[in-house]
Amino acid sequence: MLATKKKQGIIKKNQVHDKDTGSSEVQVSIISAAIEELAKHLKKHKKDNHSRRGLIKMVADRRTHLKYLERTNKSRYTALVKKMDLV
């Protein structure tokens, strides 16, 4: 789980407009941060299969958001991928 302050910082950094909390860019950023935290956890706890399944679901969710963004707005997609160093 992400701390509230960390999540708010991620939202501020990636929002499209002032009151944006749910755009694809913000959602991908939040999911990516959660993936990083869970990956660190799984390096310590190699046999935690429940968390591993959650990680796989988050990666699939992020991929879905990225595919949607690529399909609807190619320029925002390329900017996000370049900014977050994905793919």
Protein backbone atom coordinates (compact mmCIF):
# COMPACT_ATOMS: atom_id res chain seq x y z
CA MET A 1 0.00 0.00 0.00
CA LEU A 2 1.17 3.48 -0.80
CA ALA A 3 1.24 6.09 1.91
CA THR A 4 -1.23 8.93 1.43
CA LYS A 5 1.45 11.61 1.10
CA LYS A 6 3.39 9.58 -1.45
CA LYS A 7 0.23 8.95 -3.46
CA GLN A 8 -0.67 12.66 -3.39
CA GLY A 9 2.82 13.51 -4.62
CA ILE A 10 2.46 11.10 -7.52
CA ILE A 11 -0.92 12.60 -8.39
CA LYS A 12 0.45 16.16 -8.30
CA LYS A 13 3.35 15.21 -10.55
CA ASN A 14 1.23 13.50 -13.22
CA GLN A 15 -2.12 15.28 -13.25
CA VAL A 16 -3.41 16.75 -16.50
CA HIS A 17 -5.29 19.61 -14.79
CA ASP A 18 -5.71 20.94 -11.23
CA LYS A 19 -8.48 18.63 -10.05
CA ASP A 20 -7.34 15.54 -11.96
CA THR A 21 -7.14 12.38 -9.86
CA GLY A 22 -8.33 9.71 -12.25
CA SER A 23 -6.80 10.24 -15.67
CA SER A 24 -4.94 7.36 -17.25
CA GLU A 25 -1.59 9.04 -16.60
CA VAL A 26 -2.31 9.33 -12.88
CA GLN A 27 -3.63 5.78 -12.62
CA VAL A 28 -0.62 4.30 -14.43
CA SER A 29 1.72 6.29 -12.18
CA ILE A 30 0.02 5.11 -8.99
CA ILE A 31 -0.04 1.49 -10.16
CA SER A 32 3.64 1.69 -11.14
CA ALA A 33 4.60 2.96 -7.69
CA ALA A 34 2.63 0.15 -6.05
CA ILE A 35 4.31 -2.38 -8.36
CA GLU A 36 7.74 -1.10 -7.31
CA GLU A 37 6.88 -1.41 -3.61
CA LEU A 38 5.46 -4.89 -4.03
CA ALA A 39 8.47 -6.00 -6.06
CA LYS A 40 10.75 -4.92 -3.19
CA HIS A 41 8.58 -6.91 -0.78
CA LEU A 42 8.74 -10.00 -2.97
CA LYS A 43 12.53 -9.86 -3.16
CA LYS A 44 12.60 -10.31 0.63
CA HIS A 45 9.70 -12.76 0.86
CA LYS A 46 10.17 -15.12 -2.06
CA LYS A 47 7.43 -17.56 -1.04
CA ASP A 48 4.64 -14.99 -0.64
CA ASN A 49 2.47 -16.29 -3.45
CA HIS A 50 -0.60 -14.25 -2.52
CA SER A 51 1.29 -11.01 -2.99
CA ARG A 52 2.84 -12.34 -6.19
CA ARG A 53 -0.64 -12.87 -7.60
CA GLY A 54 -1.55 -9.30 -6.64
CA LEU A 55 1.58 -8.07 -8.41
CA ILE A 56 0.62 -9.93 -11.58
CA LYS A 57 -2.87 -8.42 -11.45
CA MET A 58 -1.42 -4.91 -11.03
CA VAL A 59 0.92 -5.38 -13.99
CA ALA A 60 -2.02 -6.53 -16.12
CA ASP A 61 -4.09 -3.54 -14.95
CA ARG A 62 -1.28 -1.12 -15.85
CA ARG A 63 -0.95 -2.75 -19.26
CA THR A 64 -4.70 -2.32 -19.82
CA HIS A 65 -4.54 1.38 -18.94
CA LEU A 66 -1.56 1.87 -21.25
CA LYS A 67 -3.32 0.11 -24.14
CA TYR A 68 -6.37 2.33 -23.63
CA LEU A 69 -4.26 5.47 -23.60
CA GLU A 70 -2.36 4.36 -26.70
CA ARG A 71 -5.62 3.68 -28.52
CA THR A 72 -7.31 6.97 -27.56
CA ASN A 73 -4.47 9.52 -27.41
CA LYS A 74 -1.15 8.46 -28.91
CA SER A 75 0.72 11.67 -28.00
CA ARG A 76 -0.18 11.43 -24.29
CA TYR A 77 0.79 7.74 -24.37
CA THR A 78 4.24 8.39 -25.83
CA ALA A 79 4.83 11.25 -23.38
CA LEU A 80 3.89 9.06 -20.42
CA VAL A 81 6.01 6.11 -21.55
CA LYS A 82 8.98 8.40 -22.07
CA LYS A 83 8.43 10.16 -18.71
CA MET A 84 8.08 6.93 -16.72
CA ASP A 85 10.66 4.96 -18.74
CA LEU A 86 8.25 2.10 -19.46
CA VAL A 87 8.28 -0.41 -22.34
